[in-house]
Amino acid sequence: MTSRSPGSAFRHRITTETPVGFELQSLKKKAAIQLMGSRLWGRFNPNHWDPVYAASTGLAAPIQTGEMSSAYIAEMCVNHFGEDLFRNARVVCKYIASTLADEVISTHGVVREKIPKGDGYRFVVDTWARNEAGEKKTVGWVEVDVGV
């Protein structure tokens, strides 16, 4: 079993004692064109990695795939929920604006609800990703059972 002492890697871990309103620690990620053009994220669509092609379609720069912002949000949630995120959890994301190459994206989350369930709680966390200008790019929520 992994230690969860206050000084451990789990110091931001959400537990049954975590209150509504708790803010998850943000992550920052740069929309690196090198990743945007990888096979995993968008290699088959030049809007995701070719500046000339993206400009020809009316984009200011190549755009990151929505899955990349979802992955950033998921990473933030794994940092706070650990293995609980992989048991009976739900992650919902909606992409509301394009993330352009070289934008720095930060993830955010706030515990909205804490619903009693079994011996623990079902946490509902509002999540979003935004750029340095504060423009939201992805919004959603996660539902995770803790201590159930």
Protein backbone atom coordinates (compact mmCIF):
# COMPACT_ATOMS: atom_id res chain seq x y z
CA MET A 1 0.00 0.00 0.00
CA THR A 2 1.26 3.48 -0.84
CA SER A 3 1.86 5.91 2.03
CA ARG A 4 -0.32 8.98 2.07
CA SER A 5 1.40 11.00 4.78
CA PRO A 6 1.18 14.82 4.53
CA GLY A 7 4.71 15.04 3.08
CA SER A 8 4.14 12.38 0.43
CA ALA A 9 3.32 12.73 -3.24
CA PHE A 10 -0.34 12.43 -2.20
CA ARG A 11 -0.44 15.66 -0.16
CA HIS A 12 -3.16 17.04 -2.46
CA ARG A 13 -5.11 13.78 -2.40
CA ILE A 14 -8.87 14.11 -2.08
CA THR A 15 -10.12 12.12 0.91
CA THR A 16 -13.47 11.68 2.61
CA GLU A 17 -12.62 14.77 4.67
CA THR A 18 -12.16 17.03 1.62
CA PRO A 19 -14.81 19.81 1.68
CA VAL A 20 -17.03 21.20 -1.06
CA GLY A 21 -15.23 24.19 -2.57
CA PHE A 22 -11.80 22.53 -2.45
CA GLU A 23 -9.69 23.68 -5.42
CA LEU A 24 -7.53 21.16 -7.23
CA GLN A 25 -3.92 22.13 -7.88
CA SER A 26 -3.58 23.32 -11.47
CA LEU A 27 -1.26 21.96 -14.12
CA LYS A 28 0.26 24.05 -16.90
CA LYS A 29 1.00 22.60 -20.32
CA LYS A 30 2.25 24.22 -23.51
CA ALA A 31 0.44 23.32 -26.73
CA ALA A 32 3.63 22.12 -28.40
CA ILE A 33 3.29 21.67 -32.14
CA GLN A 34 5.67 18.71 -31.95
CA LEU A 35 3.11 16.82 -29.83
CA MET A 36 0.15 18.10 -31.81
CA GLY A 37 1.58 16.45 -34.92
CA SER A 38 2.24 13.08 -33.33
CA ARG A 39 0.30 10.04 -34.50
CA LEU A 40 -1.35 9.81 -31.12
CA TRP A 41 -2.84 13.31 -31.17
CA GLY A 42 -3.56 14.47 -34.70
CA ARG A 43 -1.07 13.47 -37.33
CA PHE A 44 -3.78 12.64 -39.86
CA ASN A 45 -5.25 16.16 -39.89
CA PRO A 46 -2.81 18.92 -40.95
CA ASN A 47 -4.92 21.50 -39.07
CA HIS A 48 -3.20 20.09 -35.98
CA TRP A 49 0.43 20.45 -37.08
CA ASP A 50 0.90 22.39 -40.36
CA PRO A 51 0.88 26.22 -39.98
CA VAL A 52 0.48 26.81 -43.74
CA TYR A 53 -2.42 24.40 -44.07
CA ALA A 54 -4.08 25.74 -40.89
CA ALA A 55 -3.84 29.29 -42.27
CA SER A 56 -5.40 28.16 -45.55
CA THR A 57 -8.45 26.95 -43.59
CA GLY A 58 -8.78 30.26 -41.73
CA LEU A 59 -7.02 29.32 -38.50
CA ALA A 60 -4.52 31.66 -36.85
CA ALA A 61 -2.30 28.66 -36.05
CA PRO A 62 -2.55 24.88 -35.88
CA ILE A 63 -5.06 23.74 -33.27
CA GLN A 64 -4.56 21.18 -30.57
CA THR A 65 -6.94 18.21 -30.55
CA GLY A 66 -9.58 18.29 -27.86
CA GLU A 67 -8.27 15.04 -26.46
CA MET A 68 -5.09 16.82 -25.38
CA SER A 69 -6.98 19.18 -23.05
CA SER A 70 -8.95 16.20 -21.75
CA ALA A 71 -5.66 14.44 -21.01
CA TYR A 72 -4.40 17.47 -19.06
CA ILE A 73 -7.60 17.51 -16.99
CA ALA A 74 -7.35 13.74 -16.45
CA GLU A 75 -3.75 14.10 -15.26
CA MET A 76 -4.81 16.75 -12.75
CA CYS A 77 -7.56 14.43 -11.50
CA VAL A 78 -5.21 11.44 -11.19
CA ASN A 79 -2.96 13.66 -9.07
CA HIS A 80 -5.86 14.25 -6.67
CA PHE A 81 -7.91 11.05 -6.80
CA GLY A 82 -5.23 8.48 -7.60
CA GLU A 83 -6.54 5.01 -8.29
CA ASP A 84 -10.10 6.06 -7.37
CA LEU A 85 -10.30 7.81 -10.76
CA PHE A 86 -10.05 4.37 -12.40
CA ARG A 87 -12.92 2.76 -10.48
CA ASN A 88 -16.51 3.67 -11.36
CA ALA A 89 -15.62 7.29 -12.19
CA ARG A 90 -17.04 9.50 -14.92
CA VAL A 91 -15.17 12.20 -16.85
CA VAL A 92 -17.14 14.56 -19.10
CA CYS A 93 -15.46 17.22 -21.26
CA LYS A 94 -16.77 19.67 -23.84
CA TYR A 95 -14.42 21.57 -26.10
CA ILE A 96 -15.68 25.15 -26.37
CA ALA A 97 -12.80 26.92 -28.11
CA SER A 98 -9.72 25.94 -30.08
CA THR A 99 -6.37 25.74 -28.37
CA LEU A 100 -3.74 27.21 -30.68
CA ALA A 101 -0.14 26.06 -31.01
CA ASP A 102 2.12 27.58 -28.36
CA GLU A 103 -0.68 28.59 -26.00
CA VAL A 104 -0.05 27.69 -22.37
CA ILE A 105 -3.04 25.85 -20.97
CA SER A 106 -3.79 25.54 -17.27
CA THR A 107 -6.21 23.06 -15.74
CA HIS A 108 -8.60 23.85 -12.91
CA GLY A 109 -11.08 22.01 -10.74
CA VAL A 110 -13.36 22.79 -7.81
CA VAL A 111 -15.33 20.28 -5.73
CA ARG A 112 -18.99 21.14 -6.41
CA GLU A 113 -20.72 18.29 -4.56
CA LYS A 114 -19.93 15.65 -1.98
CA ILE A 115 -22.68 13.04 -1.97
CA PRO A 116 -22.73 10.31 0.71
CA LYS A 117 -22.31 6.86 -0.84
CA GLY A 118 -21.61 3.65 1.08
CA ASP A 119 -18.82 4.29 3.57
CA GLY A 120 -17.54 7.28 1.58
CA TYR A 121 -18.63 9.93 -0.88
CA ARG A 122 -19.21 10.54 -4.55
CA PHE A 123 -17.33 13.75 -5.38
CA VAL A 124 -18.46 15.92 -8.28
CA VAL A 125 -15.74 18.30 -9.46
CA ASP A 126 -16.23 21.06 -12.03
CA THR A 127 -13.20 21.14 -14.32
CA TRP A 128 -11.92 23.44 -17.04
CA ALA A 129 -8.83 24.30 -19.04
CA ARG A 130 -7.98 27.85 -20.07
CA ASN A 131 -5.20 29.72 -21.81
CA GLU A 132 -2.96 32.43 -20.37
CA ALA A 133 -5.50 35.11 -21.35
CA GLY A 134 -8.10 33.35 -19.19
CA GLU A 135 -10.16 32.11 -22.15
CA LYS A 136 -11.78 28.77 -21.37
CA LYS A 137 -11.03 26.10 -23.95
CA THR A 138 -12.50 22.97 -22.36
CA VAL A 139 -15.15 22.63 -19.65
CA GLY A 140 -16.64 19.64 -17.89
CA TRP A 141 -16.86 17.68 -14.67
CA VAL A 142 -15.70 14.48 -13.07
CA GLU A 143 -17.52 12.19 -10.65
CA VAL A 144 -15.36 9.98 -8.45
CA ASP A 145 -16.14 7.65 -5.54
CA VAL A 146 -13.79 8.03 -2.55
CA GLY A 147 -13.85 5.64 0.38
CA VAL A 148 -16.79 3.72 -1.05
